[in-house]
Amino acid sequence: MISSKQRSYLRSLANAIEPIFQIGKGGINENMVKQIDEALEARELIKINVLNNADASPREFCDELVRRTGAEGVQVIGNKIVLYRPSKENPRIVLP
């Protein structure tokens, strides 16, 4: 669990990054979870865009991804989700 100060720091880092995944009408499948898991290991902080034709809300998708990947949900704002998980092999982000 991350503190509110750490969450704020991660949100500031997330402002500069672009979404690397999109969730659409098909929702979340096993292949997408595997790719997000690999991206979290490589980047630690990722942004995901939820399209307007998606079956559920961005908050519901965030909760499901947190459960399935073991990541922390940093922020859900509009149609964007920001997830964080420290890398096991190569941690780069140092939390305050």
Protein backbone atom coordinates (compact mmCIF):
# COMPACT_ATOMS: atom_id res chain seq x y z
CA MET A 1 0.00 0.00 0.00
CA ILE A 2 1.34 3.40 -0.94
CA SER A 3 0.83 6.59 1.06
CA SER A 4 -0.96 9.67 -0.24
CA LYS A 5 2.38 11.49 -0.59
CA GLN A 6 3.75 8.64 -2.72
CA ARG A 7 0.53 8.55 -4.75
CA SER A 8 0.85 12.28 -5.41
CA TYR A 9 4.45 11.81 -6.55
CA LEU A 10 3.42 9.00 -8.93
CA ARG A 11 0.59 11.14 -10.33
CA SER A 12 3.09 13.89 -11.13
CA LEU A 13 5.29 11.37 -12.97
CA ALA A 14 2.27 10.01 -14.85
CA ASN A 15 1.44 13.44 -16.31
CA ALA A 16 4.34 13.13 -18.74
CA ILE A 17 3.59 9.64 -20.07
CA GLU A 18 1.21 8.59 -22.85
CA PRO A 19 -1.26 5.68 -22.59
CA ILE A 20 0.26 2.44 -23.90
CA PHE A 21 -2.88 0.28 -23.75
CA GLN A 22 -6.52 0.75 -24.71
CA ILE A 23 -9.48 -1.10 -23.26
CA GLY A 24 -12.46 -1.23 -25.58
CA LYS A 25 -15.62 -3.16 -26.19
CA GLY A 26 -13.96 -6.53 -25.59
CA GLY A 27 -12.93 -5.59 -22.06
CA ILE A 28 -9.96 -7.26 -20.36
CA ASN A 29 -8.78 -10.70 -21.48
CA GLU A 30 -5.90 -12.94 -20.35
CA ASN A 31 -3.58 -11.78 -23.12
CA MET A 32 -4.07 -8.13 -22.16
CA VAL A 33 -3.42 -8.91 -18.49
CA LYS A 34 -0.19 -10.68 -19.47
CA GLN A 35 0.95 -7.70 -21.59
CA ILE A 36 0.09 -5.22 -18.83
CA ASP A 37 1.97 -7.39 -16.33
CA GLU A 38 5.07 -7.36 -18.58
CA ALA A 39 4.78 -3.59 -19.13
CA LEU A 40 4.58 -3.00 -15.37
CA GLU A 41 7.75 -5.06 -14.88
CA ALA A 42 9.57 -3.07 -17.56
CA ARG A 43 8.23 0.46 -16.85
CA GLU A 44 6.76 0.33 -13.30
CA LEU A 45 4.29 3.15 -14.10
CA ILE A 46 1.83 2.85 -16.98
CA LYS A 47 -1.21 4.70 -18.27
CA ILE A 48 -4.19 2.97 -19.89
CA ASN A 49 -6.95 4.57 -21.95
CA VAL A 50 -10.53 3.26 -21.65
CA LEU A 51 -12.55 3.82 -24.81
CA ASN A 52 -16.11 5.17 -24.71
CA ASN A 53 -17.58 1.93 -26.10
CA ALA A 54 -16.17 -0.18 -23.23
CA ASP A 55 -18.57 -2.39 -21.27
CA ALA A 56 -17.63 -1.09 -17.80
CA SER A 57 -16.42 2.10 -16.16
CA PRO A 58 -12.71 2.99 -15.90
CA ARG A 59 -12.93 2.49 -12.09
CA GLU A 60 -14.22 -1.08 -12.54
CA PHE A 61 -11.44 -1.86 -15.02
CA CYS A 62 -8.87 -0.37 -12.64
CA ASP A 63 -10.11 -2.53 -9.74
CA GLU A 64 -9.98 -5.66 -11.91
CA LEU A 65 -6.45 -4.91 -13.17
CA VAL A 66 -5.22 -4.20 -9.63
CA ARG A 67 -6.62 -7.55 -8.52
CA ARG A 68 -5.21 -9.51 -11.47
CA THR A 69 -1.73 -7.91 -11.69
CA GLY A 70 -0.95 -7.06 -8.08
CA ALA A 71 -0.34 -3.42 -9.02
CA GLU A 72 -1.41 -0.27 -7.19
CA GLY A 73 -4.13 1.89 -8.71
CA VAL A 74 -2.59 5.36 -8.65
CA GLN A 75 -5.30 7.35 -10.38
CA VAL A 76 -8.49 7.07 -12.40
CA ILE A 77 -9.36 10.36 -14.05
CA GLY A 78 -11.77 10.63 -16.94
CA ASN A 79 -11.06 7.65 -19.19
CA LYS A 80 -7.45 7.20 -18.04
CA ILE A 81 -6.10 4.67 -15.54
CA VAL A 82 -2.63 4.91 -14.00
CA LEU A 83 -1.08 1.77 -12.46
CA TYR A 84 2.17 1.33 -10.52
CA ARG A 85 4.08 -1.74 -9.45
CA PRO A 86 7.77 -1.74 -8.51
CA SER A 87 9.93 -3.90 -10.76
CA LYS A 88 11.32 -7.08 -9.21
CA GLU A 89 14.42 -7.11 -11.43
CA ASN A 90 15.22 -3.46 -12.10
CA PRO A 91 13.47 -0.91 -9.83
CA ARG A 92 13.87 2.61 -11.24
CA ILE A 93 11.27 4.76 -9.49
CA VAL A 94 12.26 5.74 -5.95
CA LEU A 95 9.25 6.72 -3.87
CA PRO A 96 9.61 9.58 -1.34
